[in-house]
Amino acid sequence: MKNFFQFINEAYYPDLSPYNYSWEMPECVNIGWLDEKHDFEKGEVPDGFIEKLKKMPRFAQHCGYHNCPFCEGGRDTWSSSIKLAIGEGVVYLFPELTMHYISKHQYKPPQEFIDAVLKMENMSDGDAHRYMNELMLRHKDHFDKMFKRKR
């Protein structure tokens, strides 16, 4: 029998697929939304990558926590924060648990994401919110259609 936390952990999205966890936007893609039912790339990441990834700004805080589906008993629990990294013409959105997947389970994100993280200048959480708000305003027509469709 599944416990409550196992139900909320079922959020798999392939790397580089369009982000649509709570909304969708053309420039936003998924990174690191793993689960035990799908294989993922394994390998080494460059020195300093995880430290740089930890400094990426938090864009959203969803309610609750996610347990690692790969740790025995799902005991490694992480905040359900969503962080972002900005590449050329793309915004990568990833759960905070991604850092754990890399360090403990040898998850290797796509190279274009690794490159974007390593190139990105430090950005505060507030700057990340402003950046995403500006991006959403550029796509106002898209959001108007999307939210009318859901009503």
N, C-alpha and C. Protein backbone atom coordinates (compact mmCIF):
# COMPACT_ATOMS: atom_id res chain seq x y z
N MET A 1 0.85 -1.19 0.00
CA MET A 1 0.00 0.00 0.00
C MET A 1 0.88 1.25 0.00
N LYS A 2 0.53 2.21 -0.83
CA LYS A 2 1.30 3.44 -0.92
C LYS A 2 0.93 4.38 0.22
N ASN A 3 1.95 5.09 0.71
CA ASN A 3 1.65 6.12 1.69
C ASN A 3 1.43 7.44 0.95
N PHE A 4 1.01 8.46 1.67
CA PHE A 4 0.70 9.75 1.07
C PHE A 4 1.88 10.30 0.28
N PHE A 5 3.09 10.22 0.83
CA PHE A 5 4.25 10.80 0.16
C PHE A 5 4.58 10.09 -1.14
N GLN A 6 4.26 8.80 -1.25
CA GLN A 6 4.51 8.11 -2.50
C GLN A 6 3.60 8.64 -3.60
N PHE A 7 2.36 9.02 -3.25
CA PHE A 7 1.46 9.56 -4.26
C PHE A 7 1.95 10.90 -4.79
N ILE A 8 2.44 11.79 -3.92
CA ILE A 8 2.85 13.10 -4.40
C ILE A 8 4.18 13.04 -5.14
N ASN A 9 4.90 11.94 -5.04
CA ASN A 9 6.19 11.83 -5.73
C ASN A 9 6.04 11.43 -7.19
N GLU A 10 4.86 11.08 -7.61
CA GLU A 10 4.68 10.60 -8.96
C GLU A 10 4.59 11.77 -9.93
N ALA A 11 5.73 12.39 -10.19
CA ALA A 11 5.79 13.53 -11.10
C ALA A 11 6.99 13.34 -12.02
N TYR A 12 6.83 12.49 -13.01
CA TYR A 12 7.90 12.23 -13.97
C TYR A 12 7.66 13.06 -15.22
N TYR A 13 8.70 13.73 -15.67
CA TYR A 13 8.69 14.44 -16.95
C TYR A 13 10.04 14.21 -17.60
N PRO A 14 10.07 13.82 -18.87
CA PRO A 14 11.36 13.60 -19.53
C PRO A 14 12.18 14.88 -19.59
N ASP A 15 13.49 14.74 -19.48
CA ASP A 15 14.38 15.89 -19.61
C ASP A 15 14.14 16.58 -20.95
N LEU A 16 14.13 17.90 -20.90
CA LEU A 16 13.98 18.79 -22.04
C LEU A 16 12.58 18.79 -22.64
N SER A 17 11.63 18.12 -21.99
CA SER A 17 10.23 18.19 -22.44
C SER A 17 9.64 19.52 -21.99
N PRO A 18 8.59 20.00 -22.66
CA PRO A 18 7.99 21.27 -22.25
C PRO A 18 7.51 21.21 -20.80
N TYR A 19 7.82 22.25 -20.04
CA TYR A 19 7.41 22.32 -18.64
C TYR A 19 5.90 22.55 -18.59
N ASN A 20 5.19 21.71 -17.84
CA ASN A 20 3.75 21.91 -17.66
C ASN A 20 3.28 21.41 -16.30
N TYR A 21 4.12 21.53 -15.30
CA TYR A 21 3.77 21.07 -13.95
C TYR A 21 2.59 21.86 -13.40
N SER A 22 2.64 23.18 -13.47
CA SER A 22 1.52 23.98 -12.99
C SER A 22 1.02 24.95 -14.06
N TRP A 23 1.78 25.15 -15.11
CA TRP A 23 1.43 25.96 -16.27
C TRP A 23 2.44 25.63 -17.35
N GLU A 24 2.20 26.12 -18.54
CA GLU A 24 3.15 25.86 -19.62
C GLU A 24 3.56 27.17 -20.27
N MET A 25 4.78 27.20 -20.77
CA MET A 25 5.29 28.36 -21.46
C MET A 25 6.33 27.87 -22.47
N PRO A 26 6.31 28.42 -23.68
CA PRO A 26 7.18 27.88 -24.74
C PRO A 26 8.65 27.74 -24.38
N GLU A 27 9.25 28.68 -23.66
CA GLU A 27 10.69 28.63 -23.39
C GLU A 27 11.08 27.70 -22.25
N CYS A 28 10.14 27.20 -21.47
CA CYS A 28 10.46 26.46 -20.24
C CYS A 28 10.45 24.95 -20.48
N VAL A 29 11.52 24.30 -20.01
CA VAL A 29 11.64 22.85 -20.16
C VAL A 29 11.97 22.20 -18.82
N ASN A 30 11.67 20.92 -18.74
CA ASN A 30 11.90 20.12 -17.53
C ASN A 30 13.30 19.55 -17.50
N ILE A 31 13.83 19.48 -16.28
CA ILE A 31 15.09 18.79 -16.02
C ILE A 31 14.94 18.09 -14.67
N GLY A 32 15.35 16.85 -14.58
CA GLY A 32 15.47 16.17 -13.29
C GLY A 32 14.19 15.71 -12.62
N TRP A 33 13.12 15.55 -13.37
CA TRP A 33 11.87 15.04 -12.78
C TRP A 33 11.87 13.52 -12.97
N LEU A 34 12.56 12.82 -12.09
CA LEU A 34 12.80 11.39 -12.24
C LEU A 34 11.84 10.56 -11.40
N ASP A 35 11.70 9.30 -11.79
CA ASP A 35 11.00 8.34 -10.96
C ASP A 35 11.60 6.96 -11.22
N GLU A 36 11.18 6.00 -10.41
CA GLU A 36 11.77 4.67 -10.50
C GLU A 36 11.26 3.86 -11.69
N LYS A 37 10.27 4.31 -12.40
CA LYS A 37 9.70 3.58 -13.53
C LYS A 37 10.41 3.90 -14.85
N HIS A 38 11.23 4.94 -14.87
CA HIS A 38 11.88 5.37 -16.10
C HIS A 38 13.39 5.42 -15.91
N ASP A 39 14.11 4.90 -16.91
CA ASP A 39 15.57 4.97 -16.88
C ASP A 39 16.01 6.42 -17.05
N PHE A 40 17.21 6.70 -16.57
CA PHE A 40 17.77 8.03 -16.76
C PHE A 40 19.25 7.91 -17.03
N GLU A 41 19.79 8.93 -17.68
CA GLU A 41 21.22 8.98 -18.01
C GLU A 41 22.04 9.02 -16.72
N LYS A 42 23.08 8.21 -16.68
CA LYS A 42 23.98 8.22 -15.53
C LYS A 42 25.38 8.59 -15.99
N GLY A 43 26.11 9.23 -15.11
CA GLY A 43 27.47 9.60 -15.44
C GLY A 43 27.98 10.66 -14.49
N GLU A 44 29.15 11.16 -14.79
CA GLU A 44 29.78 12.17 -13.95
C GLU A 44 29.44 13.56 -14.46
N VAL A 45 29.40 14.49 -13.54
CA VAL A 45 29.22 15.90 -13.89
C VAL A 45 30.52 16.62 -13.57
N PRO A 46 30.76 17.77 -14.20
CA PRO A 46 32.02 18.48 -13.97
C PRO A 46 32.19 18.90 -12.50
N ASP A 47 33.44 19.01 -12.10
CA ASP A 47 33.73 19.52 -10.75
C ASP A 47 33.08 20.89 -10.57
N GLY A 48 32.50 21.10 -9.42
CA GLY A 48 31.88 22.37 -9.10
C GLY A 48 30.44 22.52 -9.59
N PHE A 49 29.96 21.55 -10.38
CA PHE A 49 28.62 21.67 -10.94
C PHE A 49 27.54 21.65 -9.85
N ILE A 50 27.62 20.70 -8.93
CA ILE A 50 26.58 20.59 -7.88
C ILE A 50 26.57 21.84 -7.01
N GLU A 51 27.73 22.36 -6.68
CA GLU A 51 27.80 23.58 -5.87
C GLU A 51 27.14 24.74 -6.62
N LYS A 52 27.40 24.84 -7.91
CA LYS A 52 26.79 25.90 -8.72
C LYS A 52 25.27 25.69 -8.81
N LEU A 53 24.86 24.44 -8.96
CA LEU A 53 23.43 24.11 -9.05
C LEU A 53 22.70 24.52 -7.77
N LYS A 54 23.33 24.32 -6.64
CA LYS A 54 22.71 24.69 -5.35
C LYS A 54 22.47 26.20 -5.27
N LYS A 55 23.27 26.97 -5.99
CA LYS A 55 23.13 28.43 -5.96
C LYS A 55 22.10 28.96 -6.96
N MET A 56 21.56 28.08 -7.79
CA MET A 56 20.55 28.53 -8.74
C MET A 56 19.34 29.03 -7.95
N PRO A 57 18.67 30.06 -8.46
CA PRO A 57 17.57 30.66 -7.70
C PRO A 57 16.35 29.77 -7.61
N ARG A 58 15.64 29.91 -6.52
CA ARG A 58 14.37 29.22 -6.31
C ARG A 58 13.30 30.05 -6.99
N PHE A 59 12.54 29.41 -7.86
CA PHE A 59 11.49 30.12 -8.57
C PHE A 59 10.12 29.91 -7.92
N ALA A 60 9.85 28.73 -7.47
CA ALA A 60 8.52 28.43 -6.91
C ALA A 60 8.66 27.49 -5.73
N GLN A 61 7.77 27.63 -4.80
CA GLN A 61 7.71 26.73 -3.64
C GLN A 61 6.31 26.13 -3.63
N HIS A 62 6.23 24.85 -3.94
CA HIS A 62 4.95 24.18 -3.89
C HIS A 62 4.77 23.58 -2.51
N CYS A 63 3.56 23.28 -2.19
CA CYS A 63 3.28 22.70 -0.86
C CYS A 63 3.91 21.32 -0.74
N GLY A 64 4.42 21.04 0.41
CA GLY A 64 4.86 19.69 0.70
C GLY A 64 6.30 19.39 0.38
N TYR A 65 6.58 18.11 0.35
CA TYR A 65 7.92 17.60 0.16
C TYR A 65 7.88 16.42 -0.79
N HIS A 66 9.02 16.10 -1.34
CA HIS A 66 9.15 14.92 -2.19
C HIS A 66 10.19 14.00 -1.58
N ASN A 67 9.89 12.72 -1.56
CA ASN A 67 10.84 11.72 -1.11
C ASN A 67 11.57 11.17 -2.32
N CYS A 68 12.80 10.78 -2.12
CA CYS A 68 13.57 10.19 -3.21
C CYS A 68 13.02 8.80 -3.50
N PRO A 69 12.61 8.54 -4.75
CA PRO A 69 12.06 7.22 -5.07
C PRO A 69 13.13 6.13 -5.18
N PHE A 70 14.41 6.52 -5.15
CA PHE A 70 15.49 5.55 -5.32
C PHE A 70 16.15 5.15 -4.00
N CYS A 71 15.95 5.95 -2.97
CA CYS A 71 16.52 5.62 -1.66
C CYS A 71 15.62 4.61 -0.95
N GLU A 72 16.24 3.65 -0.31
CA GLU A 72 15.47 2.62 0.38
C GLU A 72 14.53 3.26 1.39
N GLY A 73 13.26 2.93 1.26
CA GLY A 73 12.26 3.47 2.17
C GLY A 73 11.88 4.91 1.87
N GLY A 74 12.43 5.48 0.81
CA GLY A 74 12.10 6.85 0.46
C GLY A 74 12.40 7.85 1.55
N ARG A 75 13.47 7.59 2.30
CA ARG A 75 13.72 8.41 3.49
C ARG A 75 14.32 9.77 3.21
N ASP A 76 14.96 9.94 2.07
CA ASP A 76 15.55 11.25 1.78
C ASP A 76 14.45 12.18 1.31
N THR A 77 14.09 13.12 2.13
CA THR A 77 12.98 14.02 1.85
C THR A 77 13.51 15.40 1.53
N TRP A 78 12.97 16.00 0.48
CA TRP A 78 13.42 17.30 0.03
C TRP A 78 12.22 18.22 -0.14
N SER A 79 12.48 19.49 -0.02
CA SER A 79 11.45 20.50 -0.27
C SER A 79 10.98 20.37 -1.71
N SER A 80 9.77 20.77 -1.97
CA SER A 80 9.26 20.70 -3.34
C SER A 80 9.50 22.01 -4.10
N SER A 81 10.56 22.70 -3.74
CA SER A 81 10.92 23.93 -4.45
C SER A 81 11.28 23.62 -5.89
N ILE A 82 11.00 24.58 -6.74
CA ILE A 82 11.41 24.48 -8.14
C ILE A 82 12.42 25.59 -8.38
N LYS A 83 13.58 25.20 -8.92
CA LYS A 83 14.65 26.14 -9.18
C LYS A 83 14.75 26.35 -10.69
N LEU A 84 15.50 27.38 -11.08
CA LEU A 84 15.63 27.62 -12.51
C LEU A 84 17.06 27.96 -12.89
N ALA A 85 17.37 27.64 -14.14
CA ALA A 85 18.62 28.05 -14.77
C ALA A 85 18.25 28.58 -16.14
N ILE A 86 18.95 29.60 -16.59
CA ILE A 86 18.60 30.23 -17.86
C ILE A 86 19.70 29.94 -18.87
N GLY A 87 19.29 29.40 -20.01
CA GLY A 87 20.21 29.15 -21.11
C GLY A 87 19.90 30.12 -22.24
N GLU A 88 20.41 29.82 -23.42
CA GLU A 88 20.15 30.68 -24.58
C GLU A 88 18.78 30.35 -25.14
N GLY A 89 17.80 31.24 -24.85
CA GLY A 89 16.44 31.05 -25.36
C GLY A 89 15.66 29.98 -24.65
N VAL A 90 16.14 29.52 -23.50
CA VAL A 90 15.44 28.46 -22.78
C VAL A 90 15.59 28.67 -21.28
N VAL A 91 14.54 28.28 -20.54
CA VAL A 91 14.58 28.31 -19.08
C VAL A 91 14.40 26.87 -18.62
N TYR A 92 15.36 26.39 -17.86
CA TYR A 92 15.31 25.03 -17.33
C TYR A 92 14.71 25.08 -15.93
N LEU A 93 13.64 24.34 -15.69
CA LEU A 93 13.01 24.29 -14.38
C LEU A 93 13.20 22.89 -13.82
N PHE A 94 13.71 22.84 -12.59
CA PHE A 94 14.05 21.55 -12.01
C PHE A 94 13.74 21.52 -10.52
N PRO A 95 13.35 20.34 -10.01
CA PRO A 95 13.07 20.24 -8.58
C PRO A 95 14.37 20.25 -7.78
N GLU A 96 14.27 20.72 -6.56
CA GLU A 96 15.44 20.77 -5.69
C GLU A 96 16.06 19.38 -5.50
N LEU A 97 15.27 18.36 -5.61
CA LEU A 97 15.73 16.98 -5.47
C LEU A 97 16.76 16.59 -6.53
N THR A 98 16.85 17.35 -7.61
CA THR A 98 17.81 17.06 -8.69
C THR A 98 19.24 16.96 -8.15
N MET A 99 19.59 17.82 -7.20
CA MET A 99 20.96 17.79 -6.65
C MET A 99 21.24 16.46 -5.95
N HIS A 100 20.24 15.93 -5.27
CA HIS A 100 20.36 14.64 -4.60
C HIS A 100 20.52 13.53 -5.66
N TYR A 101 19.70 13.59 -6.71
CA TYR A 101 19.80 12.57 -7.77
C TYR A 101 21.20 12.53 -8.37
N ILE A 102 21.81 13.69 -8.54
CA ILE A 102 23.15 13.76 -9.13
C ILE A 102 24.18 13.20 -8.16
N SER A 103 24.14 13.66 -6.91
CA SER A 103 25.19 13.27 -5.96
C SER A 103 25.04 11.84 -5.44
N LYS A 104 23.83 11.35 -5.29
CA LYS A 104 23.63 10.01 -4.70
C LYS A 104 23.29 8.92 -5.71
N HIS A 105 22.75 9.30 -6.85
CA HIS A 105 22.27 8.28 -7.80
C HIS A 105 22.88 8.43 -9.20
N GLN A 106 23.93 9.27 -9.31
CA GLN A 106 24.71 9.45 -10.53
C GLN A 106 23.88 9.92 -11.74
N TYR A 107 22.76 10.59 -11.48
CA TYR A 107 21.98 11.18 -12.58
C TYR A 107 22.86 12.20 -13.29
N LYS A 108 22.88 12.12 -14.61
CA LYS A 108 23.62 13.09 -15.42
C LYS A 108 22.62 13.84 -16.28
N PRO A 109 22.38 15.11 -15.94
CA PRO A 109 21.46 15.91 -16.76
C PRO A 109 22.01 16.11 -18.16
N PRO A 110 21.17 16.54 -19.08
CA PRO A 110 21.67 16.81 -20.45
C PRO A 110 22.80 17.85 -20.44
N GLN A 111 23.73 17.68 -21.36
CA GLN A 111 24.90 18.56 -21.41
C GLN A 111 24.53 20.03 -21.57
N GLU A 112 23.48 20.31 -22.34
CA GLU A 112 23.11 21.72 -22.54
C GLU A 112 22.68 22.37 -21.23
N PHE A 113 22.07 21.61 -20.34
CA PHE A 113 21.70 22.12 -19.02
C PHE A 113 22.95 22.35 -18.17
N ILE A 114 23.85 21.38 -18.19
CA ILE A 114 25.11 21.52 -17.45
C ILE A 114 25.85 22.78 -17.90
N ASP A 115 25.94 22.98 -19.21
CA ASP A 115 26.62 24.16 -19.75
C ASP A 115 25.94 25.45 -19.31
N ALA A 116 24.60 25.47 -19.34
CA ALA A 116 23.86 26.67 -18.96
C ALA A 116 24.09 27.01 -17.49
N VAL A 117 24.08 26.00 -16.63
CA VAL A 117 24.30 26.22 -15.19
C VAL A 117 25.70 26.78 -14.96
N LEU A 118 26.69 26.18 -15.60
CA LEU A 118 28.07 26.62 -15.39
C LEU A 118 28.31 28.04 -15.91
N LYS A 119 27.59 28.46 -16.96
CA LYS A 119 27.76 29.80 -17.53
C LYS A 119 26.95 30.86 -16.79
N MET A 120 25.89 30.46 -16.13
CA MET A 120 24.95 31.43 -15.56
C MET A 120 25.56 32.21 -14.40
N GLU A 121 25.34 33.50 -14.43
CA GLU A 121 25.76 34.36 -13.33
C GLU A 121 24.82 34.14 -12.14
N ASN A 122 25.29 34.46 -10.95
CA ASN A 122 24.43 34.33 -9.77
C ASN A 122 23.21 35.21 -9.93
N MET A 123 22.06 34.69 -9.49
CA MET A 123 20.80 35.40 -9.58
C MET A 123 20.04 35.16 -8.28
N SER A 124 19.47 36.18 -7.71
CA SER A 124 18.71 36.01 -6.47
C SER A 124 17.33 35.41 -6.78
N ASP A 125 16.67 34.90 -5.76
CA ASP A 125 15.32 34.38 -5.93
C ASP A 125 14.41 35.50 -6.45
N GLY A 126 14.56 36.70 -5.91
CA GLY A 126 13.75 37.84 -6.35
C GLY A 126 13.96 38.16 -7.81
N ASP A 127 15.23 38.12 -8.26
CA ASP A 127 15.52 38.36 -9.68
C ASP A 127 14.90 37.26 -10.55
N ALA A 128 14.90 36.04 -10.05
CA ALA A 128 14.29 34.93 -10.80
C ALA A 128 12.79 35.17 -10.96
N HIS A 129 12.14 35.62 -9.90
CA HIS A 129 10.70 35.91 -9.99
C HIS A 129 10.44 37.03 -10.99
N ARG A 130 11.25 38.08 -10.94
CA ARG A 130 11.08 39.19 -11.89
C ARG A 130 11.30 38.71 -13.33
N TYR A 131 12.32 37.91 -13.54
CA TYR A 131 12.60 37.38 -14.87
C TYR A 131 11.41 36.58 -15.40
N MET A 132 10.87 35.69 -14.55
CA MET A 132 9.75 34.85 -14.98
C MET A 132 8.48 35.69 -15.18
N ASN A 133 8.27 36.69 -14.36
CA ASN A 133 7.11 37.57 -14.56
C ASN A 133 7.21 38.29 -15.90
N GLU A 134 8.40 38.77 -16.24
CA GLU A 134 8.60 39.43 -17.53
C GLU A 134 8.36 38.45 -18.68
N LEU A 135 8.83 37.23 -18.51
CA LEU A 135 8.62 36.21 -19.53
C LEU A 135 7.13 35.93 -19.70
N MET A 136 6.41 35.83 -18.59
CA MET A 136 4.97 35.59 -18.66
C MET A 136 4.25 36.76 -19.33
N LEU A 137 4.67 37.97 -19.05
CA LEU A 137 4.05 39.13 -19.69
C LEU A 137 4.27 39.12 -21.20
N ARG A 138 5.44 38.65 -21.64
CA ARG A 138 5.70 38.54 -23.08
C ARG A 138 4.77 37.53 -23.73
N HIS A 139 4.27 36.59 -22.92
CA HIS A 139 3.38 35.54 -23.44
C HIS A 139 1.97 35.71 -22.91
N LYS A 140 1.56 36.94 -22.68
CA LYS A 140 0.25 37.21 -22.09
C LYS A 140 -0.88 36.55 -22.88
N ASP A 141 -0.85 36.64 -24.22
CA ASP A 141 -1.90 36.02 -25.03
C ASP A 141 -1.97 34.52 -24.80
N HIS A 142 -0.83 33.89 -24.69
CA HIS A 142 -0.77 32.45 -24.44
C HIS A 142 -1.44 32.12 -23.10
N PHE A 143 -1.13 32.88 -22.06
CA PHE A 143 -1.71 32.63 -20.74
C PHE A 143 -3.19 32.93 -20.72
N ASP A 144 -3.61 33.99 -21.41
CA ASP A 144 -5.04 34.30 -21.46
C ASP A 144 -5.81 33.13 -22.06
N LYS A 145 -5.31 32.57 -23.15
CA LYS A 145 -5.97 31.42 -23.79
C LYS A 145 -5.95 30.21 -22.86
N MET A 146 -4.81 29.97 -22.24
CA MET A 146 -4.68 28.80 -21.38
C MET A 146 -5.64 28.86 -20.21
N PHE A 147 -5.74 30.01 -19.55
CA PHE A 147 -6.60 30.11 -18.36
C PHE A 147 -8.07 30.17 -18.74
N LYS A 148 -8.42 30.71 -19.89
CA LYS A 148 -9.82 30.67 -20.36
C LYS A 148 -10.23 29.23 -20.63
N ARG A 149 -9.31 28.48 -21.17
CA ARG A 149 -9.57 27.08 -21.50
C ARG A 149 -9.86 26.27 -20.24
N LYS A 150 -9.24 26.63 -19.10
CA LYS A 150 -9.39 25.87 -17.86
C LYS A 150 -10.64 26.25 -17.08
N ARG A 151 -11.25 27.37 -17.40
CA ARG A 151 -12.43 27.82 -16.64
C ARG A 151 -13.66 27.02 -16.98
